[in-house]
């Protein structure tokens, strides 16, 4: 029995000589980024059919009263930035088959394209571009883009010709409006 007690004492003292493990701690930083971006949930596409462009006297109808389906189209855009930039570039309606209109006639109809952007705080910002001027008109909406359906609306109107008395040459006229919605720079 003395051997057993002695063995237990030796064994116990051997374990007592081993130091206890201390606690280790620290921290790890975690980070990431989100790039500014805008996404067209509903594509910025479609058509606006203006119908008959001329009044009875052959000059342009500034109201585009012959339109079918309305003068506006809406789109749903999502942007994650605080102040998206909207650019509108209206291209004139041109009768490409009439490339040599005589004096008093025209093959080009100009108009104004207006994009209205709904802000998250409830306001609306409009950016308008006239097809008679070259290049796009841009502006920032001054708010986050509202996170709702149809938060961008394009409307065309105010038809005109370079000479207000010019008679529109008969034929098909085509133009387009280019719209860009981008995160703030």
C-alpha atoms as a PDB file:
ATOM      1  CA  UNK A   1       0.000   0.000   0.000  1.00  0.00           C
ATOM      2  CA  UNK A   2       2.924   2.299   0.705  1.00  0.00           C
ATOM      3  CA  UNK A   3       4.045   1.761  -2.851  1.00  0.00           C
ATOM      4  CA  UNK A   4       0.689   2.707  -4.156  1.00  0.00           C
ATOM      5  CA  UNK A   5       0.484   5.904  -2.079  1.00  0.00           C
ATOM      6  CA  UNK A   6       4.036   6.818  -3.014  1.00  0.00           C
ATOM      7  CA  UNK A   7       3.285   6.221  -6.711  1.00  0.00           C
ATOM      8  CA  UNK A   8       0.176   8.382  -6.470  1.00  0.00           C
ATOM      9  CA  UNK A   9       2.148  11.158  -4.740  1.00  0.00           C
ATOM     10  CA  UNK A  10       4.883  11.072  -7.388  1.00  0.00           C
ATOM     11  CA  UNK A  11       2.364  11.012 -10.154  1.00  0.00           C
ATOM     12  CA  UNK A  12       0.340  13.851  -8.580  1.00  0.00           C
ATOM     13  CA  UNK A  13       3.427  16.021  -8.130  1.00  0.00           C
ATOM     14  CA  UNK A  14       4.396  15.455 -11.767  1.00  0.00           C
ATOM     15  CA  UNK A  15       1.064  16.864 -12.934  1.00  0.00           C
ATOM     16  CA  UNK A  16       1.297  19.722 -10.494  1.00  0.00           C
ATOM     17  CA  UNK A  17       4.610  20.782 -12.031  1.00  0.00           C
ATOM     18  CA  UNK A  18       2.994  21.324 -15.508  1.00  0.00           C
ATOM     19  CA  UNK A  19       1.802  24.944 -15.818  1.00  0.00           C
ATOM     20  CA  UNK A  20      -1.909  25.580 -16.602  1.00  0.00           C
ATOM     21  CA  UNK A  21      -2.769  26.933 -20.093  1.00  0.00           C
ATOM     22  CA  UNK A  22      -3.663  30.647 -20.142  1.00  0.00           C
ATOM     23  CA  UNK A  23      -6.537  32.042 -22.244  1.00  0.00           C
ATOM     24  CA  UNK A  24      -5.615  33.590 -25.669  1.00  0.00           C
ATOM     25  CA  UNK A  25      -7.846  36.205 -27.302  1.00  0.00           C
ATOM     26  CA  UNK A  26      -7.780  38.715 -30.167  1.00  0.00           C
ATOM     27  CA  UNK A  27      -9.951  40.168 -32.906  1.00  0.00           C
ATOM     28  CA  UNK A  28     -10.234  39.906 -36.672  1.00  0.00           C
ATOM     29  CA  UNK A  29     -11.427  42.857 -38.751  1.00  0.00           C
ATOM     30  CA  UNK A  30     -13.972  42.085 -41.473  1.00  0.00           C
ATOM     31  CA  UNK A  31     -14.622  44.558 -44.290  1.00  0.00           C
ATOM     32  CA  UNK A  32     -16.149  44.798 -47.744  1.00  0.00           C
ATOM     33  CA  UNK A  33     -17.348  47.295 -50.313  1.00  0.00           C
ATOM     34  CA  UNK A  34     -20.463  47.966 -52.370  1.00  0.00           C
ATOM     35  CA  UNK A  35     -19.914  49.562 -55.754  1.00  0.00           C
ATOM     36  CA  UNK A  36     -22.367  52.204 -56.898  1.00  0.00           C
ATOM     37  CA  UNK A  37     -24.637  50.813 -59.571  1.00  0.00           C
ATOM     38  CA  UNK A  38     -27.968  51.183 -61.283  1.00  0.00           C
ATOM     39  CA  UNK A  39     -30.015  48.369 -62.804  1.00  0.00           C
ATOM     40  CA  UNK A  40     -32.967  48.552 -65.178  1.00  0.00           C
ATOM     41  CA  UNK A  41     -35.531  46.174 -63.657  1.00  0.00           C
ATOM     42  CA  UNK A  42     -37.751  46.900 -66.641  1.00  0.00           C
ATOM     43  CA  UNK A  43     -35.652  47.606 -69.742  1.00  0.00           C
ATOM     44  CA  UNK A  44     -35.426  51.193 -70.969  1.00  0.00           C
ATOM     45  CA  UNK A  45     -36.959  50.347 -74.309  1.00  0.00           C
ATOM     46  CA  UNK A  46     -40.239  50.341 -76.164  1.00  0.00           C
ATOM     47  CA  UNK A  47     -41.819  52.842 -78.487  1.00  0.00           C
ATOM     48  CA  UNK A  48     -43.990  55.921 -78.562  1.00  0.00           C
ATOM     49  CA  UNK A  49     -46.139  56.138 -81.680  1.00  0.00           C
ATOM     50  CA  UNK A  50     -46.791  59.755 -82.576  1.00  0.00           C
ATOM     51  CA  UNK A  51     -49.097  58.987 -85.509  1.00  0.00           C
ATOM     52  CA  UNK A  52     -49.815  61.875 -87.881  1.00  0.00           C
ATOM     53  CA  UNK A  53     -47.201  64.582 -87.246  1.00  0.00           C
ATOM     54  CA  UNK A  54     -48.761  67.321 -89.378  1.00  0.00           C
ATOM     55  CA  UNK A  55     -51.784  69.557 -88.916  1.00  0.00           C
ATOM     56  CA  UNK A  56     -54.207  70.011 -91.815  1.00  0.00           C
ATOM     57  CA  UNK A  57     -51.994  72.770 -93.291  1.00  0.00           C
ATOM     58  CA  UNK A  58     -48.955  70.449 -93.414  1.00  0.00           C
ATOM     59  CA  UNK A  59     -47.007  72.119 -90.590  1.00  0.00           C
ATOM     60  CA  UNK A  60     -46.014  70.230 -87.456  1.00  0.00           C
ATOM     61  CA  UNK A  61     -48.622  69.510 -84.779  1.00  0.00           C
ATOM     62  CA  UNK A  62     -46.778  70.625 -81.621  1.00  0.00           C
ATOM     63  CA  UNK A  63     -49.085  68.562 -79.363  1.00  0.00           C
ATOM     64  CA  UNK A  64     -48.598  65.341 -81.339  1.00  0.00           C
ATOM     65  CA  UNK A  65     -52.371  64.924 -81.087  1.00  0.00           C
ATOM     66  CA  UNK A  66     -52.326  61.960 -83.491  1.00  0.00           C
ATOM     67  CA  UNK A  67     -50.406  59.792 -81.024  1.00  0.00           C
ATOM     68  CA  UNK A  68     -51.616  56.306 -80.171  1.00  0.00           C
ATOM     69  CA  UNK A  69     -50.928  54.861 -76.743  1.00  0.00           C
ATOM     70  CA  UNK A  70     -49.893  58.133 -75.078  1.00  0.00           C
ATOM     71  CA  UNK A  71     -46.769  60.258 -75.049  1.00  0.00           C
ATOM     72  CA  UNK A  72     -45.172  58.702 -71.934  1.00  0.00           C
ATOM     73  CA  UNK A  73     -43.459  55.457 -70.988  1.00  0.00           C
ATOM     74  CA  UNK A  74     -42.340  54.397 -67.500  1.00  0.00           C
ATOM     75  CA  UNK A  75     -39.474  52.211 -66.324  1.00  0.00           C
ATOM     76  CA  UNK A  76     -38.321  50.724 -63.039  1.00  0.00           C
ATOM     77  CA  UNK A  77     -34.698  51.442 -62.158  1.00  0.00           C
ATOM     78  CA  UNK A  78     -32.852  50.466 -58.988  1.00  0.00           C
ATOM     79  CA  UNK A  79     -29.832  52.504 -57.870  1.00  0.00           C
ATOM     80  CA  UNK A  80     -27.922  52.115 -54.632  1.00  0.00           C
ATOM     81  CA  UNK A  81     -26.316  55.562 -54.633  1.00  0.00           C
ATOM     82  CA  UNK A  82     -27.472  58.701 -52.864  1.00  0.00           C
ATOM     83  CA  UNK A  83     -27.741  60.986 -55.908  1.00  0.00           C
ATOM     84  CA  UNK A  84     -28.045  59.220 -59.296  1.00  0.00           C
ATOM     85  CA  UNK A  85     -27.296  61.068 -62.510  1.00  0.00           C
ATOM     86  CA  UNK A  86     -29.857  61.001 -65.335  1.00  0.00           C
ATOM     87  CA  UNK A  87     -28.928  61.811 -68.940  1.00  0.00           C
ATOM     88  CA  UNK A  88     -31.464  62.341 -71.720  1.00  0.00           C
ATOM     89  CA  UNK A  89     -30.529  62.644 -75.387  1.00  0.00           C
ATOM     90  CA  UNK A  90     -33.438  63.308 -77.776  1.00  0.00           C
ATOM     91  CA  UNK A  91     -32.670  62.574 -81.416  1.00  0.00           C
ATOM     92  CA  UNK A  92     -34.916  64.370 -83.958  1.00  0.00           C
ATOM     93  CA  UNK A  93     -37.550  62.619 -86.032  1.00  0.00           C
ATOM     94  CA  UNK A  94     -36.158  62.433 -89.556  1.00  0.00           C
ATOM     95  CA  UNK A  95     -37.746  61.347 -92.828  1.00  0.00           C
ATOM     96  CA  UNK A  96     -34.695  59.551 -94.248  1.00  0.00           C
ATOM     97  CA  UNK A  97     -36.362  59.056 -97.652  1.00  0.00           C
ATOM     98  CA  UNK A  98     -36.580  62.829 -98.100  1.00  0.00           C
ATOM     99  CA  UNK A  99     -32.952  63.901 -97.986  1.00  0.00           C
ATOM    100  CA  UNK A 100     -33.306  66.932-100.244  1.00  0.00           C
ATOM    101  CA  UNK A 101     -36.382  68.899 -99.107  1.00  0.00           C
ATOM    102  CA  UNK A 102     -36.898  72.125-101.133  1.00  0.00           C
ATOM    103  CA  UNK A 103     -37.275  75.549 -99.497  1.00  0.00           C
ATOM    104  CA  UNK A 104     -40.431  75.790 -97.426  1.00  0.00           C
ATOM    105  CA  UNK A 105     -40.396  72.061 -96.629  1.00  0.00           C
ATOM    106  CA  UNK A 106     -38.600  69.976 -94.023  1.00  0.00           C
ATOM    107  CA  UNK A 107     -37.822  66.350 -93.320  1.00  0.00           C
ATOM    108  CA  UNK A 108     -37.024  66.921 -89.622  1.00  0.00           C
ATOM    109  CA  UNK A 109     -39.317  67.303 -86.612  1.00  0.00           C
ATOM    110  CA  UNK A 110     -37.866  68.339 -83.277  1.00  0.00           C
ATOM    111  CA  UNK A 111     -39.383  67.732 -79.850  1.00  0.00           C
ATOM    112  CA  UNK A 112     -38.600  67.821 -76.149  1.00  0.00           C
ATOM    113  CA  UNK A 113     -37.955  64.603 -74.204  1.00  0.00           C
ATOM    114  CA  UNK A 114     -38.453  64.928 -70.457  1.00  0.00           C
ATOM    115  CA  UNK A 115     -37.467  62.293 -67.916  1.00  0.00           C
ATOM    116  CA  UNK A 116     -39.082  62.563 -64.485  1.00  0.00           C
ATOM    117  CA  UNK A 117     -37.311  60.684 -61.666  1.00  0.00           C
ATOM    118  CA  UNK A 118     -39.125  59.959 -58.400  1.00  0.00           C
ATOM    119  CA  UNK A 119     -37.006  60.649 -55.340  1.00  0.00           C
ATOM    120  CA  UNK A 120     -37.083  58.537 -52.191  1.00  0.00           C
ATOM    121  CA  UNK A 121     -38.283  61.535 -50.165  1.00  0.00           C
ATOM    122  CA  UNK A 122     -41.260  62.000 -52.459  1.00  0.00           C
ATOM    123  CA  UNK A 123     -40.094  64.744 -54.819  1.00  0.00           C
ATOM    124  CA  UNK A 124     -39.732  64.532 -58.585  1.00  0.00           C
ATOM    125  CA  UNK A 125     -36.775  65.793 -60.587  1.00  0.00           C
ATOM    126  CA  UNK A 126     -37.212  66.462 -64.306  1.00  0.00           C
ATOM    127  CA  UNK A 127     -34.425  66.499 -66.863  1.00  0.00           C
ATOM    128  CA  UNK A 128     -35.441  67.703 -70.342  1.00  0.00           C
ATOM    129  CA  UNK A 129     -33.553  67.603 -73.631  1.00  0.00           C
ATOM    130  CA  UNK A 130     -34.564  69.247 -76.884  1.00  0.00           C
ATOM    131  CA  UNK A 131     -33.725  67.342 -80.045  1.00  0.00           C
ATOM    132  CA  UNK A 132     -32.853  70.600 -81.800  1.00  0.00           C
ATOM    133  CA  UNK A 133     -29.699  70.857 -79.649  1.00  0.00           C
ATOM    134  CA  UNK A 134     -26.764  68.474 -79.942  1.00  0.00           C
ATOM    135  CA  UNK A 135     -25.754  66.240 -77.079  1.00  0.00           C
ATOM    136  CA  UNK A 136     -27.458  65.008 -73.955  1.00  0.00           C
ATOM    137  CA  UNK A 137     -28.815  66.989 -71.048  1.00  0.00           C
ATOM    138  CA  UNK A 138     -27.784  65.586 -67.661  1.00  0.00           C
ATOM    139  CA  UNK A 139     -28.703  66.256 -64.082  1.00  0.00           C
ATOM    140  CA  UNK A 140     -28.606  64.612 -60.705  1.00  0.00           C
ATOM    141  CA  UNK A 141     -31.875  63.900 -58.959  1.00  0.00           C
ATOM    142  CA  UNK A 142     -30.767  65.377 -55.621  1.00  0.00           C
ATOM    143  CA  UNK A 143     -32.088  62.383 -53.677  1.00  0.00           C
ATOM    144  CA  UNK A 144     -31.980  58.620 -53.722  1.00  0.00           C
ATOM    145  CA  UNK A 145     -34.136  57.115 -56.461  1.00  0.00           C
ATOM    146  CA  UNK A 146     -37.454  55.923 -55.000  1.00  0.00           C
ATOM    147  CA  UNK A 147     -37.553  52.177 -54.538  1.00  0.00           C
ATOM    148  CA  UNK A 148     -40.901  51.755 -56.307  1.00  0.00           C
ATOM    149  CA  UNK A 149     -42.125  50.499 -59.656  1.00  0.00           C
ATOM    150  CA  UNK A 150     -42.161  52.963 -62.556  1.00  0.00           C
ATOM    151  CA  UNK A 151     -39.832  55.447 -60.822  1.00  0.00           C
ATOM    152  CA  UNK A 152     -38.578  56.874 -64.152  1.00  0.00           C
ATOM    153  CA  UNK A 153     -41.013  58.295 -66.722  1.00  0.00           C
ATOM    154  CA  UNK A 154     -40.190  59.576 -70.214  1.00  0.00           C
ATOM    155  CA  UNK A 155     -42.582  62.027 -71.899  1.00  0.00           C
ATOM    156  CA  UNK A 156     -42.205  63.526 -75.372  1.00  0.00           C
ATOM    157  CA  UNK A 157     -43.916  66.685 -76.569  1.00  0.00           C
ATOM    158  CA  UNK A 158     -43.547  70.220 -77.907  1.00  0.00           C
ATOM    159  CA  UNK A 159     -43.119  69.306 -81.561  1.00  0.00           C
ATOM    160  CA  UNK A 160     -41.451  71.944 -83.705  1.00  0.00           C
ATOM    161  CA  UNK A 161     -39.480  72.494 -86.882  1.00  0.00           C
ATOM    162  CA  UNK A 162     -36.490  74.763 -87.435  1.00  0.00           C
ATOM    163  CA  UNK A 163     -38.769  76.992 -89.540  1.00  0.00           C
ATOM    164  CA  UNK A 164     -42.224  77.109 -87.923  1.00  0.00           C
ATOM    165  CA  UNK A 165     -43.931  77.622 -91.312  1.00  0.00           C
ATOM    166  CA  UNK A 166     -42.195  74.679 -93.020  1.00  0.00           C
ATOM    167  CA  UNK A 167     -44.412  71.963 -94.461  1.00  0.00           C
ATOM    168  CA  UNK A 168     -43.514  68.420 -93.455  1.00  0.00           C
ATOM    169  CA  UNK A 169     -42.403  66.291 -96.385  1.00  0.00           C
ATOM    170  CA  UNK A 170     -44.593  63.182 -96.697  1.00  0.00           C
ATOM    171  CA  UNK A 171     -43.133  59.909 -95.464  1.00  0.00           C
ATOM    172  CA  UNK A 172     -42.133  57.971 -92.376  1.00  0.00           C
ATOM    173  CA  UNK A 173     -40.256  59.824 -89.614  1.00  0.00           C
ATOM    174  CA  UNK A 174     -38.096  58.096 -87.004  1.00  0.00           C
ATOM    175  CA  UNK A 175     -36.106  59.272 -84.017  1.00  0.00           C
ATOM    176  CA  UNK A 176     -35.179  58.020 -80.572  1.00  0.00           C
ATOM    177  CA  UNK A 177     -34.493  59.062 -77.007  1.00  0.00           C
ATOM    178  CA  UNK A 178     -31.436  57.695 -75.227  1.00  0.00           C
ATOM    179  CA  UNK A 179     -31.708  57.571 -71.425  1.00  0.00           C
ATOM    180  CA  UNK A 180     -28.912  56.753 -68.993  1.00  0.00           C
ATOM    181  CA  UNK A 181     -29.298  56.434 -65.231  1.00  0.00           C
ATOM    182  CA  UNK A 182     -25.979  56.074 -63.419  1.00  0.00           C
ATOM    183  CA  UNK A 183     -24.782  56.156 -59.811  1.00  0.00           C
ATOM    184  CA  UNK A 184     -23.384  59.486 -58.669  1.00  0.00           C
ATOM    185  CA  UNK A 185     -19.714  59.964 -59.498  1.00  0.00           C
END
